[in-house]
């Protein structure tokens, strides 16, 4: 038997969620009625519940704050944000507070129960877009992954050496037997790779990273 506590300040939502979930024979639901204060939370016994479904907007207090209070009093409680808003907007903050995820009120009974079972098992179901964002943040900079020396070709290194001497683009072009336009294109590429906006910065960073000596 799964014991679920629903925390929502709208009676219709509380009773509706209870009715939907209890259509599953193995589920028992209880609703926590207002007021949602620290004093009331201290009086309430959360131990019997496998999962707490927590609404985001609860009048004078929001679900994040209330969840934080509950988890400070009962660290083993498993809380899921249960909201009509875009859950991805709150997922990161929820996890940082110790909430084990967020699920939309628009999900079907089957998906909601599946989510609850994962949380009971100590798992977190992460929305795809949120997870993709995490992966994108962890992708290494191509320069860092390959090494600076491998990312810059010999022409770019030669140009950096000439830039260090204080030569103009035309002087560099004449010295390397290239067109002025080629030098300009190469400098743009160098600036992008080094994430700099000036010739001085480019030389300083290139020397610091060992691209040029």
N, C-alpha and C. Protein backbone atom coordinates (compact mmCIF):
# COMPACT_ATOMS: atom_id res chain seq x y z
N UNK A 1 0.84 -1.20 0.00
CA UNK A 1 0.00 0.00 0.00
C UNK A 1 0.88 1.25 0.00
N UNK A 2 0.58 2.19 -0.89
CA UNK A 2 1.30 3.46 -0.96
C UNK A 2 0.47 4.52 -0.25
N UNK A 3 1.10 5.20 0.71
CA UNK A 3 0.41 6.25 1.46
C UNK A 3 0.89 7.62 0.99
N UNK A 4 -0.04 8.41 0.50
CA UNK A 4 0.29 9.71 -0.09
C UNK A 4 -0.41 10.82 0.67
N UNK A 5 0.32 11.90 0.91
CA UNK A 5 -0.27 13.08 1.53
C UNK A 5 -0.34 14.18 0.48
N UNK A 6 -1.53 14.75 0.29
CA UNK A 6 -1.72 15.85 -0.67
C UNK A 6 -1.82 17.17 0.10
N UNK A 7 -0.96 18.13 -0.27
CA UNK A 7 -0.98 19.45 0.35
C UNK A 7 -1.36 20.46 -0.72
N UNK A 8 -2.58 20.97 -0.63
CA UNK A 8 -3.08 21.93 -1.61
C UNK A 8 -4.15 22.78 -0.94
N UNK A 9 -4.12 24.09 -1.18
CA UNK A 9 -5.06 24.96 -0.47
C UNK A 9 -6.44 25.02 -1.13
N UNK A 10 -6.61 24.34 -2.26
CA UNK A 10 -7.92 24.29 -2.92
C UNK A 10 -8.62 22.97 -2.60
N UNK A 11 -9.74 23.02 -1.89
CA UNK A 11 -10.45 21.79 -1.52
C UNK A 11 -10.78 20.90 -2.71
N UNK A 12 -11.18 21.50 -3.83
CA UNK A 12 -11.54 20.71 -5.00
C UNK A 12 -10.34 19.93 -5.55
N UNK A 13 -9.17 20.58 -5.52
CA UNK A 13 -7.96 19.91 -6.00
C UNK A 13 -7.58 18.78 -5.05
N UNK A 14 -7.66 19.04 -3.76
CA UNK A 14 -7.33 18.00 -2.77
C UNK A 14 -8.21 16.78 -2.97
N UNK A 15 -9.51 17.00 -3.02
CA UNK A 15 -10.44 15.88 -3.12
C UNK A 15 -10.37 15.22 -4.49
N UNK A 16 -10.16 16.04 -5.53
CA UNK A 16 -10.05 15.47 -6.87
C UNK A 16 -8.83 14.58 -7.01
N UNK A 17 -7.69 15.05 -6.49
CA UNK A 17 -6.46 14.26 -6.54
C UNK A 17 -6.62 12.97 -5.73
N UNK A 18 -7.24 13.09 -4.58
CA UNK A 18 -7.49 11.92 -3.74
C UNK A 18 -8.33 10.89 -4.47
N UNK A 19 -9.40 11.36 -5.12
CA UNK A 19 -10.28 10.43 -5.84
C UNK A 19 -9.57 9.75 -7.01
N UNK A 20 -8.78 10.53 -7.73
CA UNK A 20 -8.07 9.97 -8.89
C UNK A 20 -7.06 8.92 -8.45
N UNK A 21 -6.27 9.24 -7.44
CA UNK A 21 -5.22 8.31 -7.01
C UNK A 21 -5.79 7.08 -6.32
N UNK A 22 -6.84 7.26 -5.55
CA UNK A 22 -7.40 6.11 -4.82
C UNK A 22 -8.22 5.20 -5.73
N UNK A 23 -8.34 5.57 -7.00
CA UNK A 23 -8.94 4.64 -7.96
C UNK A 23 -8.01 3.43 -8.15
N UNK A 24 -6.74 3.64 -7.76
CA UNK A 24 -5.77 2.55 -7.75
C UNK A 24 -5.88 1.84 -6.41
N UNK A 25 -6.19 0.53 -6.39
CA UNK A 25 -6.44 -0.20 -5.14
C UNK A 25 -5.30 -0.14 -4.13
N UNK A 26 -4.06 -0.01 -4.62
CA UNK A 26 -2.91 -0.06 -3.72
C UNK A 26 -2.53 1.31 -3.17
N UNK A 27 -3.38 2.32 -3.37
CA UNK A 27 -3.04 3.69 -2.97
C UNK A 27 -4.04 4.22 -1.94
N UNK A 28 -3.48 4.83 -0.90
CA UNK A 28 -4.31 5.49 0.11
C UNK A 28 -3.84 6.94 0.23
N UNK A 29 -4.79 7.89 0.17
CA UNK A 29 -4.46 9.31 0.15
C UNK A 29 -5.11 10.03 1.31
N UNK A 30 -4.32 10.90 1.94
CA UNK A 30 -4.85 11.79 2.97
C UNK A 30 -4.52 13.22 2.55
N UNK A 31 -5.38 14.17 2.90
CA UNK A 31 -5.16 15.57 2.54
C UNK A 31 -4.85 16.39 3.78
N UNK A 32 -3.87 17.27 3.63
CA UNK A 32 -3.51 18.18 4.73
C UNK A 32 -4.20 19.52 4.46
N UNK A 33 -5.07 19.91 5.36
CA UNK A 33 -5.83 21.14 5.19
C UNK A 33 -5.10 22.34 5.78
N UNK A 34 -5.41 23.55 5.31
CA UNK A 34 -4.82 24.76 5.90
C UNK A 34 -5.23 24.87 7.37
N UNK A 35 -4.50 25.69 8.16
CA UNK A 35 -3.41 26.59 7.75
C UNK A 35 -2.08 25.87 7.66
N UNK A 36 -1.22 26.33 6.77
CA UNK A 36 0.09 25.73 6.58
C UNK A 36 1.14 26.62 7.26
N UNK A 37 1.27 26.45 8.54
CA UNK A 37 2.22 27.24 9.32
C UNK A 37 3.26 26.32 9.94
N UNK A 38 4.35 26.91 10.38
CA UNK A 38 5.41 26.13 11.01
C UNK A 38 4.87 25.42 12.24
N UNK A 39 4.03 26.12 13.00
CA UNK A 39 3.44 25.53 14.22
C UNK A 39 2.63 24.28 13.88
N UNK A 40 1.81 24.38 12.82
CA UNK A 40 0.99 23.24 12.42
C UNK A 40 1.85 22.09 11.90
N UNK A 41 2.93 22.44 11.19
CA UNK A 41 3.81 21.40 10.65
C UNK A 41 4.50 20.63 11.78
N UNK A 42 4.81 21.33 12.86
CA UNK A 42 5.45 20.67 13.99
C UNK A 42 4.51 19.68 14.67
N UNK A 43 3.22 19.97 14.60
CA UNK A 43 2.23 19.09 15.24
C UNK A 43 1.92 17.86 14.40
N UNK A 44 2.10 17.97 13.10
CA UNK A 44 1.65 16.92 12.19
C UNK A 44 2.68 15.80 12.06
N UNK A 45 2.22 14.57 12.01
CA UNK A 45 3.09 13.41 11.87
C UNK A 45 3.19 13.01 10.40
N UNK A 46 4.34 13.27 9.80
CA UNK A 46 4.53 12.95 8.38
C UNK A 46 5.08 11.53 8.17
N UNK A 47 5.43 10.87 9.25
CA UNK A 47 6.09 9.57 9.14
C UNK A 47 5.29 8.51 8.37
N UNK A 48 3.96 8.46 8.51
CA UNK A 48 3.22 7.39 7.83
C UNK A 48 3.19 7.50 6.31
N UNK A 49 3.61 8.62 5.75
CA UNK A 49 3.43 8.84 4.33
C UNK A 49 4.69 8.53 3.51
N UNK A 50 4.48 7.81 2.43
CA UNK A 50 5.59 7.47 1.54
C UNK A 50 6.01 8.68 0.71
N UNK A 51 5.03 9.50 0.33
CA UNK A 51 5.28 10.65 -0.52
C UNK A 51 4.34 11.79 -0.15
N UNK A 52 4.84 13.02 -0.25
CA UNK A 52 4.01 14.21 -0.07
C UNK A 52 3.91 14.93 -1.41
N UNK A 53 2.69 15.10 -1.91
CA UNK A 53 2.46 15.89 -3.12
C UNK A 53 2.19 17.33 -2.70
N UNK A 54 3.09 18.23 -3.05
CA UNK A 54 3.07 19.59 -2.54
C UNK A 54 2.71 20.60 -3.63
N UNK A 55 1.61 21.31 -3.44
CA UNK A 55 1.25 22.38 -4.38
C UNK A 55 2.26 23.51 -4.26
N UNK A 56 2.43 24.28 -5.33
CA UNK A 56 3.40 25.37 -5.30
C UNK A 56 2.84 26.61 -4.62
N UNK A 57 1.60 26.97 -4.92
CA UNK A 57 0.99 28.17 -4.33
C UNK A 57 0.00 27.79 -3.24
N UNK A 58 0.32 28.22 -2.02
CA UNK A 58 -0.51 27.85 -0.87
C UNK A 58 -1.00 29.08 -0.11
N UNK A 59 -1.28 30.14 -0.84
CA UNK A 59 -1.75 31.34 -0.17
C UNK A 59 -0.60 32.16 0.37
N UNK A 60 -0.51 32.28 1.69
CA UNK A 60 0.51 33.13 2.30
C UNK A 60 1.90 32.49 2.26
N UNK A 61 1.99 31.21 2.02
CA UNK A 61 3.28 30.52 1.93
C UNK A 61 3.30 29.72 0.63
N UNK A 62 4.48 29.56 0.04
CA UNK A 62 4.53 28.74 -1.17
C UNK A 62 5.06 27.34 -0.85
N UNK A 63 4.86 26.45 -1.79
CA UNK A 63 5.22 25.06 -1.57
C UNK A 63 6.69 24.82 -1.34
N UNK A 64 7.53 25.66 -1.92
CA UNK A 64 8.97 25.54 -1.71
C UNK A 64 9.31 25.79 -0.24
N UNK A 65 8.77 26.88 0.29
CA UNK A 65 9.04 27.22 1.69
C UNK A 65 8.50 26.15 2.63
N UNK A 66 7.28 25.71 2.36
CA UNK A 66 6.68 24.71 3.24
C UNK A 66 7.45 23.39 3.17
N UNK A 67 7.88 23.02 1.98
CA UNK A 67 8.67 21.79 1.83
C UNK A 67 9.97 21.89 2.61
N UNK A 68 10.61 23.05 2.54
CA UNK A 68 11.85 23.25 3.27
C UNK A 68 11.62 23.10 4.77
N UNK A 69 10.50 23.64 5.25
CA UNK A 69 10.17 23.52 6.67
C UNK A 69 9.94 22.07 7.06
N UNK A 70 9.16 21.36 6.24
CA UNK A 70 8.85 19.95 6.51
C UNK A 70 10.13 19.11 6.52
N UNK A 71 11.00 19.35 5.54
CA UNK A 71 12.23 18.56 5.43
C UNK A 71 13.21 18.87 6.56
N UNK A 72 13.15 20.09 7.09
CA UNK A 72 14.00 20.42 8.23
C UNK A 72 13.52 19.70 9.48
N UNK A 73 12.19 19.50 9.56
CA UNK A 73 11.61 18.80 10.71
C UNK A 73 11.62 17.29 10.53
N UNK A 74 11.47 16.85 9.27
CA UNK A 74 11.40 15.42 8.96
C UNK A 74 12.28 15.14 7.73
N UNK A 75 13.58 15.03 7.91
CA UNK A 75 14.52 14.91 6.79
C UNK A 75 14.28 13.70 5.88
N UNK A 76 13.62 12.66 6.38
CA UNK A 76 13.41 11.47 5.55
C UNK A 76 12.16 11.56 4.68
N UNK A 77 11.39 12.63 4.83
CA UNK A 77 10.18 12.78 4.02
C UNK A 77 10.55 12.92 2.55
N UNK A 78 9.70 12.37 1.68
CA UNK A 78 9.91 12.46 0.23
C UNK A 78 8.84 13.40 -0.34
N UNK A 79 9.29 14.54 -0.83
CA UNK A 79 8.37 15.57 -1.31
C UNK A 79 8.48 15.72 -2.82
N UNK A 80 7.31 15.81 -3.47
CA UNK A 80 7.24 16.09 -4.90
C UNK A 80 6.41 17.35 -5.09
N UNK A 81 6.94 18.32 -5.83
CA UNK A 81 6.13 19.49 -6.17
C UNK A 81 5.04 19.06 -7.12
N UNK A 82 3.81 19.46 -6.84
CA UNK A 82 2.64 19.08 -7.62
C UNK A 82 1.99 20.39 -8.07
N UNK A 83 2.26 20.78 -9.31
CA UNK A 83 1.91 22.15 -9.72
C UNK A 83 1.29 22.23 -11.10
N UNK A 84 0.56 23.29 -11.32
CA UNK A 84 -0.02 23.54 -12.64
C UNK A 84 0.90 24.35 -13.52
N UNK A 85 2.04 24.78 -12.96
CA UNK A 85 3.00 25.57 -13.72
C UNK A 85 3.98 24.65 -14.44
N UNK A 86 4.83 25.24 -15.27
CA UNK A 86 5.85 24.49 -15.97
C UNK A 86 6.86 23.97 -14.96
N UNK A 87 6.89 22.66 -14.76
CA UNK A 87 7.72 22.09 -13.69
C UNK A 87 9.21 22.34 -13.91
N UNK A 88 9.64 22.49 -15.17
CA UNK A 88 11.06 22.69 -15.43
C UNK A 88 11.56 24.01 -14.85
N UNK A 89 10.66 24.97 -14.69
CA UNK A 89 11.06 26.26 -14.14
C UNK A 89 11.45 26.16 -12.67
N UNK A 90 10.99 25.12 -12.00
CA UNK A 90 11.21 25.01 -10.55
C UNK A 90 12.08 23.82 -10.17
N UNK A 91 12.49 23.04 -11.17
CA UNK A 91 13.13 21.77 -10.87
C UNK A 91 14.45 21.95 -10.13
N UNK A 92 15.30 22.85 -10.61
CA UNK A 92 16.62 23.01 -10.00
C UNK A 92 16.52 23.48 -8.56
N UNK A 93 15.68 24.49 -8.32
CA UNK A 93 15.51 25.01 -6.96
C UNK A 93 14.94 23.93 -6.06
N UNK A 94 14.00 23.15 -6.60
CA UNK A 94 13.38 22.08 -5.81
C UNK A 94 14.42 21.05 -5.36
N UNK A 95 15.28 20.64 -6.27
CA UNK A 95 16.31 19.66 -5.92
C UNK A 95 17.28 20.20 -4.88
N UNK A 96 17.62 21.48 -5.00
CA UNK A 96 18.54 22.09 -4.04
C UNK A 96 17.95 22.11 -2.63
N UNK A 97 16.63 22.19 -2.54
CA UNK A 97 15.97 22.22 -1.23
C UNK A 97 15.78 20.82 -0.65
N UNK A 98 16.02 19.79 -1.46
CA UNK A 98 15.80 18.43 -0.99
C UNK A 98 14.50 17.83 -1.48
N UNK A 99 13.76 18.60 -2.28
CA UNK A 99 12.55 18.07 -2.91
C UNK A 99 12.99 17.13 -4.02
N UNK A 100 12.29 16.01 -4.17
CA UNK A 100 12.75 14.98 -5.09
C UNK A 100 12.18 15.09 -6.49
N UNK A 101 11.73 16.28 -6.86
CA UNK A 101 11.24 16.44 -8.21
C UNK A 101 9.99 17.28 -8.28
N UNK A 102 9.45 17.39 -9.48
CA UNK A 102 8.24 18.17 -9.71
C UNK A 102 7.44 17.50 -10.80
N UNK A 103 6.13 17.48 -10.61
CA UNK A 103 5.26 16.85 -11.59
C UNK A 103 4.05 17.75 -11.83
N UNK A 104 3.59 17.77 -13.05
CA UNK A 104 2.47 18.63 -13.41
C UNK A 104 1.13 18.01 -13.01
N UNK A 105 0.20 18.88 -12.62
CA UNK A 105 -1.16 18.42 -12.28
C UNK A 105 -1.91 17.91 -13.50
N UNK A 106 -1.38 18.17 -14.68
CA UNK A 106 -2.04 17.73 -15.90
C UNK A 106 -1.65 16.30 -16.30
N UNK A 107 -0.70 15.70 -15.57
CA UNK A 107 -0.29 14.34 -15.90
C UNK A 107 -1.42 13.35 -15.62
N UNK A 108 -1.41 12.26 -16.34
CA UNK A 108 -2.41 11.22 -16.13
C UNK A 108 -2.15 10.50 -14.80
N UNK A 109 -3.14 9.79 -14.34
CA UNK A 109 -2.98 9.03 -13.10
C UNK A 109 -1.82 8.05 -13.21
N UNK A 110 -1.71 7.40 -14.36
CA UNK A 110 -0.66 6.40 -14.55
C UNK A 110 0.72 7.03 -14.45
N UNK A 111 0.91 8.18 -15.11
CA UNK A 111 2.22 8.83 -15.08
C UNK A 111 2.53 9.38 -13.69
N UNK A 112 1.51 9.91 -13.02
CA UNK A 112 1.71 10.43 -11.67
C UNK A 112 2.11 9.32 -10.72
N UNK A 113 1.44 8.19 -10.80
CA UNK A 113 1.78 7.06 -9.93
C UNK A 113 3.15 6.48 -10.27
N UNK A 114 3.48 6.47 -11.54
CA UNK A 114 4.80 6.00 -11.96
C UNK A 114 5.88 6.89 -11.37
N UNK A 115 5.65 8.20 -11.41
CA UNK A 115 6.59 9.17 -10.85
C UNK A 115 6.73 8.93 -9.35
N UNK A 116 5.60 8.74 -8.67
CA UNK A 116 5.60 8.52 -7.22
C UNK A 116 6.39 7.26 -6.86
N UNK A 117 6.20 6.21 -7.63
CA UNK A 117 6.92 4.95 -7.35
C UNK A 117 8.43 5.13 -7.52
N UNK A 118 8.83 5.88 -8.53
CA UNK A 118 10.26 6.15 -8.72
C UNK A 118 10.83 6.88 -7.50
N UNK A 119 10.11 7.88 -7.02
CA UNK A 119 10.57 8.66 -5.87
C UNK A 119 10.65 7.79 -4.62
N UNK A 120 9.66 6.94 -4.42
CA UNK A 120 9.68 6.03 -3.27
C UNK A 120 10.92 5.14 -3.32
N UNK A 121 11.34 4.77 -4.52
CA UNK A 121 12.52 3.92 -4.69
C UNK A 121 13.83 4.71 -4.66
N UNK A 122 13.71 6.00 -4.30
CA UNK A 122 14.91 6.82 -4.19
C UNK A 122 15.42 7.35 -5.51
N UNK A 123 14.57 7.33 -6.54
CA UNK A 123 14.97 7.81 -7.86
C UNK A 123 14.32 9.16 -8.15
N UNK A 124 14.91 9.89 -9.08
CA UNK A 124 14.36 11.17 -9.49
C UNK A 124 14.10 11.12 -10.99
N UNK A 125 12.89 11.46 -11.39
CA UNK A 125 12.55 11.50 -12.81
C UNK A 125 12.77 12.93 -13.29
N UNK A 126 13.74 13.11 -14.16
CA UNK A 126 14.10 14.45 -14.62
C UNK A 126 13.47 14.73 -15.97
N UNK A 127 12.79 15.88 -16.13
CA UNK A 127 12.25 16.25 -17.44
C UNK A 127 13.36 16.28 -18.48
N UNK A 128 13.05 15.83 -19.69
CA UNK A 128 14.07 15.71 -20.72
C UNK A 128 14.79 17.02 -21.00
N UNK A 129 14.02 18.12 -21.17
CA UNK A 129 14.64 19.40 -21.50
C UNK A 129 15.58 19.88 -20.39
N UNK A 130 15.19 19.61 -19.13
CA UNK A 130 16.04 20.00 -18.01
C UNK A 130 17.33 19.18 -18.04
N UNK A 131 17.21 17.88 -18.29
CA UNK A 131 18.37 17.00 -18.34
C UNK A 131 19.28 17.39 -19.50
N UNK A 132 18.68 17.72 -20.65
CA UNK A 132 19.46 18.14 -21.81
C UNK A 132 20.24 19.40 -21.49
N UNK A 133 19.59 20.33 -20.74
CA UNK A 133 20.28 21.55 -20.34
C UNK A 133 21.49 21.26 -19.47
N UNK A 134 21.35 20.28 -18.57
CA UNK A 134 22.48 19.90 -17.72
C UNK A 134 23.64 19.35 -18.55
N UNK A 135 23.30 18.52 -19.54
CA UNK A 135 24.34 17.95 -20.40
C UNK A 135 25.03 19.04 -21.20
N UNK A 136 24.26 20.00 -21.70
CA UNK A 136 24.86 21.08 -22.48
C UNK A 136 25.82 21.89 -21.63
N UNK A 137 25.47 22.10 -20.35
CA UNK A 137 26.34 22.86 -19.46
C UNK A 137 27.64 22.12 -19.17
N UNK A 138 27.57 20.77 -19.22
CA UNK A 138 28.74 19.96 -18.89
C UNK A 138 29.64 19.70 -20.09
N UNK A 139 29.16 20.07 -21.30
CA UNK A 139 29.99 19.83 -22.48
C UNK A 139 31.27 20.64 -22.39
N UNK A 140 32.40 19.99 -22.56
CA UNK A 140 33.66 20.73 -22.45
C UNK A 140 33.85 21.68 -23.62
N UNK A 141 34.53 22.78 -23.36
CA UNK A 141 34.93 23.67 -24.43
C UNK A 141 35.83 22.90 -25.38
N UNK A 142 35.58 22.97 -26.70
CA UNK A 142 36.41 22.20 -27.65
C UNK A 142 37.89 22.43 -27.45
N UNK A 143 38.27 23.66 -27.10
CA UNK A 143 39.69 23.95 -26.88
C UNK A 143 40.20 23.19 -25.67
N UNK A 144 39.38 23.17 -24.60
CA UNK A 144 39.80 22.46 -23.38
C UNK A 144 39.88 20.97 -23.63
N UNK A 145 38.95 20.44 -24.43
CA UNK A 145 38.91 19.00 -24.67
C UNK A 145 40.09 18.55 -25.53
N UNK A 146 40.46 19.33 -26.55
CA UNK A 146 41.50 18.92 -27.47
C UNK A 146 42.87 19.43 -27.09
N UNK A 147 42.91 20.49 -26.29
CA UNK A 147 44.18 21.10 -25.95
C UNK A 147 44.42 22.29 -26.88
N UNK A 148 44.88 23.39 -26.32
CA UNK A 148 45.07 24.61 -27.11
C UNK A 148 46.02 24.39 -28.29
N UNK A 149 47.05 23.63 -28.06
CA UNK A 149 48.07 23.47 -29.09
C UNK A 149 47.51 22.80 -30.33
N UNK A 150 46.51 21.92 -30.16
CA UNK A 150 45.93 21.18 -31.28
C UNK A 150 44.85 21.98 -31.99
N UNK A 151 44.25 22.95 -31.29
CA UNK A 151 43.15 23.72 -31.87
C UNK A 151 43.67 24.82 -32.79
N UNK A 152 44.84 25.38 -32.51
CA UNK A 152 45.40 26.46 -33.32
C UNK A 152 46.33 25.89 -34.38
N UNK A 153 46.07 26.26 -35.63
CA UNK A 153 46.94 25.78 -36.70
C UNK A 153 48.22 26.62 -36.78
N UNK A 154 49.14 26.20 -37.62
CA UNK A 154 50.45 26.86 -37.69
C UNK A 154 50.34 28.31 -38.17
N UNK A 155 49.39 28.56 -39.10
CA UNK A 155 49.21 29.93 -39.58
C UNK A 155 48.78 30.85 -38.43
N UNK A 156 47.82 30.38 -37.62
CA UNK A 156 47.31 31.19 -36.52
C UNK A 156 48.41 31.45 -35.48
N UNK A 157 49.23 30.45 -35.24
CA UNK A 157 50.33 30.64 -34.30
C UNK A 157 51.34 31.65 -34.84
N UNK A 158 51.59 31.57 -36.15
CA UNK A 158 52.53 32.51 -36.77
C UNK A 158 51.98 33.93 -36.70
N UNK A 159 50.69 34.06 -36.92
CA UNK A 159 50.06 35.39 -36.85
C UNK A 159 50.16 35.95 -35.44
N UNK A 160 49.93 35.08 -34.42
CA UNK A 160 50.04 35.52 -33.03
C UNK A 160 51.46 36.00 -32.73
N UNK A 161 52.45 35.33 -33.27
CA UNK A 161 53.83 35.77 -33.07
C UNK A 161 54.04 37.16 -33.66
N UNK A 162 53.46 37.41 -34.83
CA UNK A 162 53.61 38.71 -35.48
C UNK A 162 52.82 39.79 -34.73
N UNK A 163 51.66 39.41 -34.23
CA UNK A 163 50.86 40.35 -33.45
C UNK A 163 51.63 40.77 -32.21
N UNK A 164 52.34 39.82 -31.60
CA UNK A 164 53.13 40.11 -30.40
C UNK A 164 54.19 41.17 -30.69
N UNK A 165 54.68 41.20 -31.93
CA UNK A 165 55.71 42.18 -32.30
C UNK A 165 55.12 43.57 -32.53
N UNK A 166 53.79 43.64 -32.52
CA UNK A 166 53.16 44.94 -32.71
C UNK A 166 52.93 45.32 -34.15
N UNK A 167 53.02 44.35 -35.08
CA UNK A 167 52.84 44.63 -36.49
C UNK A 167 51.38 44.86 -36.83
N UNK A 168 51.13 45.66 -37.86
CA UNK A 168 49.77 45.87 -38.34
C UNK A 168 49.34 44.67 -39.18
N UNK A 169 48.04 44.60 -39.50
CA UNK A 169 47.55 43.50 -40.33
C UNK A 169 48.25 43.46 -41.68
N UNK A 170 48.47 44.64 -42.27
CA UNK A 170 49.14 44.68 -43.58
C UNK A 170 50.58 44.21 -43.46
N UNK A 171 51.27 44.62 -42.42
CA UNK A 171 52.65 44.20 -42.21
C UNK A 171 52.75 42.70 -41.98
N UNK A 172 51.78 42.15 -41.24
CA UNK A 172 51.76 40.70 -41.01
C UNK A 172 51.52 39.98 -42.33
N UNK A 173 50.59 40.51 -43.13
CA UNK A 173 50.28 39.91 -44.42
C UNK A 173 51.52 39.90 -45.32
N UNK A 174 52.23 41.00 -45.37
CA UNK A 174 53.44 41.08 -46.19
C UNK A 174 54.51 40.11 -45.71
N UNK A 175 54.64 40.02 -44.40
CA UNK A 175 55.70 39.17 -43.82
C UNK A 175 55.41 37.68 -44.03
N UNK A 176 54.12 37.32 -43.98
CA UNK A 176 53.76 35.90 -44.12
C UNK A 176 53.30 35.54 -45.54
N UNK A 177 53.39 36.53 -46.43
CA UNK A 177 53.01 36.32 -47.83
C UNK A 177 51.55 35.87 -47.94
N UNK A 178 50.71 36.57 -47.22
CA UNK A 178 49.27 36.31 -47.26
C UNK A 178 48.55 37.61 -47.56
N UNK A 179 47.27 37.50 -47.89
CA UNK A 179 46.50 38.72 -48.12
C UNK A 179 46.08 39.33 -46.79
N UNK A 180 45.84 40.63 -46.82
CA UNK A 180 45.38 41.30 -45.61
C UNK A 180 44.05 40.71 -45.14
N UNK A 181 43.17 40.37 -46.10
CA UNK A 181 41.88 39.77 -45.75
C UNK A 181 42.06 38.44 -45.02
N UNK A 182 43.03 37.64 -45.43
CA UNK A 182 43.30 36.35 -44.76
C UNK A 182 43.73 36.57 -43.31
N UNK A 183 44.54 37.59 -43.11
CA UNK A 183 44.98 37.92 -41.75
C UNK A 183 43.78 38.32 -40.90
N UNK A 184 42.89 39.13 -41.46
CA UNK A 184 41.70 39.57 -40.72
C UNK A 184 40.81 38.39 -40.35
N UNK A 185 40.60 37.47 -41.31
CA UNK A 185 39.78 36.28 -41.02
C UNK A 185 40.43 35.43 -39.92
N UNK A 186 41.74 35.26 -40.02
CA UNK A 186 42.45 34.44 -39.03
C UNK A 186 42.39 35.07 -37.64
N UNK A 187 42.53 36.39 -37.57
CA UNK A 187 42.45 37.07 -36.27
C UNK A 187 41.05 36.92 -35.66
N UNK A 188 40.02 36.99 -36.50
CA UNK A 188 38.66 36.79 -36.00
C UNK A 188 38.51 35.40 -35.40
N UNK A 189 39.08 34.40 -36.08
CA UNK A 189 39.04 33.03 -35.58
C UNK A 189 39.80 32.89 -34.27
N UNK A 190 40.97 33.52 -34.19
CA UNK A 190 41.78 33.48 -32.98
C UNK A 190 41.05 34.11 -31.81
N UNK A 191 40.45 35.29 -32.05
CA UNK A 191 39.71 35.97 -30.99
C UNK A 191 38.58 35.10 -30.47
N UNK A 192 37.87 34.42 -31.39
CA UNK A 192 36.74 33.57 -31.00
C UNK A 192 37.22 32.39 -30.16
N UNK A 193 38.28 31.75 -30.59
CA UNK A 193 38.79 30.58 -29.88
C UNK A 193 39.30 30.94 -28.48
N UNK A 194 39.88 32.11 -28.36
CA UNK A 194 40.43 32.54 -27.07
C UNK A 194 39.41 33.30 -26.23
N UNK A 195 38.26 33.62 -26.84
CA UNK A 195 37.21 34.40 -26.18
C UNK A 195 37.75 35.74 -25.70
N UNK A 196 38.40 36.45 -26.62
CA UNK A 196 38.96 37.77 -26.32
C UNK A 196 38.45 38.76 -27.36
N UNK A 197 38.69 40.04 -27.11
CA UNK A 197 38.21 41.07 -28.04
C UNK A 197 39.30 42.02 -28.49
N UNK A 198 40.54 41.75 -28.10
CA UNK A 198 41.62 42.65 -28.52
C UNK A 198 42.90 41.88 -28.81
N UNK A 199 43.78 42.49 -29.57
CA UNK A 199 45.06 41.87 -29.92
C UNK A 199 45.93 41.65 -28.68
N UNK A 200 45.90 42.61 -27.78
CA UNK A 200 46.70 42.50 -26.55
C UNK A 200 46.24 41.30 -25.72
N UNK A 201 44.91 41.18 -25.56
CA UNK A 201 44.36 40.04 -24.81
C UNK A 201 44.74 38.73 -25.47
N UNK A 202 44.65 38.70 -26.80
CA UNK A 202 44.95 37.48 -27.53
C UNK A 202 46.38 37.01 -27.26
N UNK A 203 47.31 37.95 -27.31
CA UNK A 203 48.72 37.60 -27.08
C UNK A 203 48.94 37.13 -25.64
N UNK A 204 48.36 37.84 -24.69
CA UNK A 204 48.52 37.48 -23.27
C UNK A 204 47.98 36.09 -22.99
N UNK A 205 46.77 35.82 -23.49
CA UNK A 205 46.16 34.51 -23.26
C UNK A 205 46.94 33.42 -23.99
N UNK A 206 47.35 33.70 -25.22
CA UNK A 206 48.10 32.71 -26.00
C UNK A 206 49.40 32.33 -25.30
N UNK A 207 50.08 33.30 -24.74
CA UNK A 207 51.32 33.02 -24.01
C UNK A 207 51.04 32.26 -22.70
N UNK A 208 49.96 32.64 -22.03
CA UNK A 208 49.61 31.98 -20.77
C UNK A 208 49.24 30.52 -21.01
N UNK A 209 48.61 30.22 -22.16
CA UNK A 209 48.18 28.86 -22.45
C UNK A 209 49.26 28.06 -23.19
N UNK A 210 50.38 28.69 -23.46
CA UNK A 210 51.46 27.96 -24.11
C UNK A 210 51.29 27.79 -25.60
N UNK A 211 50.39 28.57 -26.21
CA UNK A 211 50.18 28.48 -27.65
C UNK A 211 51.38 29.07 -28.38
N UNK A 212 51.88 30.18 -27.83
CA UNK A 212 53.12 30.76 -28.33
C UNK A 212 54.05 30.97 -27.13
N UNK A 213 55.33 31.01 -27.42
CA UNK A 213 56.30 31.19 -26.33
C UNK A 213 56.72 32.65 -26.22
